[in-house]
Structure formats: C-alpha cells, structure tokens
Amino acid sequence: MSVNVGTIDRVIRAALGFSLLYLAFLSGVSLFAAPLFKFGAAVIGIVMLATSTLKLCPNYSILGLKSCGDC
C-alpha cells in the first residue's frame, strides 16, 4: 500500500483524533458518559490518529482517492 493522505488531510485527521479522545476521556460532557459514545469516540479517535501518522487511509485505497499531490 502506498501513501495516499496529504499534509492538510493529516492535520485535520490528527486534530479530529485528539479532539475525540479529549471528549471521550477528559471533557466530562454528559453525552460521553455513556459507554457507547465514550468508546465509540475513542476508537474513531485512535483510527484518525493512526491514519494521520501512517499517511495511509484504507478507505481512500478502496476508492482510489489521494489527497496528496504526486505521492
């Protein structure tokens, strides 16, 4: 598999990942007190951070998309 996530996309994914992890574990928002939302947000946040770090999105690979120029 080759790189298919560009810089702007990586920054957005990282910000979203950290935001979801913050909401799930540190925010104290009552919605995230429910286990479904708490662990759902945590899993999605971890996936966002992983795709940002690895520069690889499996969904982009399946659809044949790239958010980077000539990667």
Protein backbone atom coordinates (compact mmCIF):
# COMPACT_ATOMS: atom_id res chain seq x y z
CA MET A 1 0.00 0.00 0.00
CA SER A 2 1.26 3.43 -0.85
CA VAL A 3 0.85 6.82 0.79
CA ASN A 4 -2.48 8.47 -0.06
CA VAL A 5 -3.06 11.11 2.65
CA GLY A 6 -1.75 14.64 2.15
CA THR A 7 -0.49 17.17 4.68
CA ILE A 8 -3.71 19.16 5.17
CA ASP A 9 -5.71 15.94 5.45
CA ARG A 10 -3.23 14.63 8.04
CA VAL A 11 -3.52 17.78 10.16
CA ILE A 12 -7.32 17.63 10.07
CA ARG A 13 -7.32 13.92 10.96
CA ALA A 14 -4.89 14.46 13.85
CA ALA A 15 -6.94 17.36 15.22
CA LEU A 16 -10.14 15.33 14.96
CA GLY A 17 -8.47 12.33 16.60
CA PHE A 18 -7.15 14.33 19.54
CA SER A 19 -10.50 16.12 19.91
CA LEU A 20 -12.44 12.85 20.04
CA LEU A 21 -10.04 11.36 22.58
CA TYR A 22 -10.33 14.50 24.70
CA LEU A 23 -14.13 14.37 24.55
CA ALA A 24 -14.17 10.68 25.39
CA PHE A 25 -11.86 10.75 28.40
CA LEU A 26 -11.27 14.25 29.75
CA SER A 27 -14.15 16.57 28.90
CA GLY A 28 -16.83 15.48 31.37
CA VAL A 29 -19.58 16.05 28.78
CA SER A 30 -22.61 14.02 29.84
CA LEU A 31 -23.12 12.56 26.35
CA PHE A 32 -19.73 10.84 26.56
CA ALA A 33 -20.54 9.31 29.95
CA ALA A 34 -22.48 6.60 28.10
CA PRO A 35 -20.17 3.70 27.21
CA LEU A 36 -21.32 3.51 23.58
CA PHE A 37 -20.37 7.12 22.86
CA LYS A 38 -17.27 7.08 25.03
CA PHE A 39 -15.65 4.03 23.48
CA GLY A 40 -17.00 4.81 20.01
CA ALA A 41 -15.33 8.22 20.12
CA ALA A 42 -12.13 6.66 21.47
CA VAL A 43 -11.96 4.06 18.69
CA ILE A 44 -12.65 6.61 15.97
CA GLY A 45 -10.10 8.98 17.50
CA ILE A 46 -7.43 6.27 17.52
CA VAL A 47 -8.20 5.37 13.90
CA MET A 48 -7.93 9.04 12.90
CA LEU A 49 -4.56 9.35 14.64
CA ALA A 50 -3.32 6.13 13.05
CA THR A 51 -4.28 7.17 9.52
CA SER A 52 -2.68 10.55 10.14
CA THR A 53 0.56 9.03 11.41
CA LEU A 54 0.83 6.30 8.76
CA LYS A 55 -0.23 8.61 5.88
CA LEU A 56 -2.47 5.80 4.70
CA CYS A 57 -6.25 5.61 4.60
CA PRO A 58 -7.71 2.20 3.71
CA ASN A 59 -10.96 3.80 2.53
CA TYR A 60 -9.02 6.04 0.14
CA SER A 61 -7.22 2.95 -1.20
CA ILE A 62 -10.51 1.14 -1.84
CA LEU A 63 -12.00 4.16 -3.61
CA GLY A 64 -8.80 5.04 -5.47
CA LEU A 65 -8.55 8.51 -3.92
CA LYS A 66 -5.49 10.52 -2.90
CA SER A 67 -5.41 13.80 -1.00
CA CYS A 68 -1.73 14.37 -1.72
CA GLY A 69 -0.36 15.75 -4.95
CA ASP A 70 2.13 13.34 -6.54
CA CYS A 71 2.57 10.74 -3.87
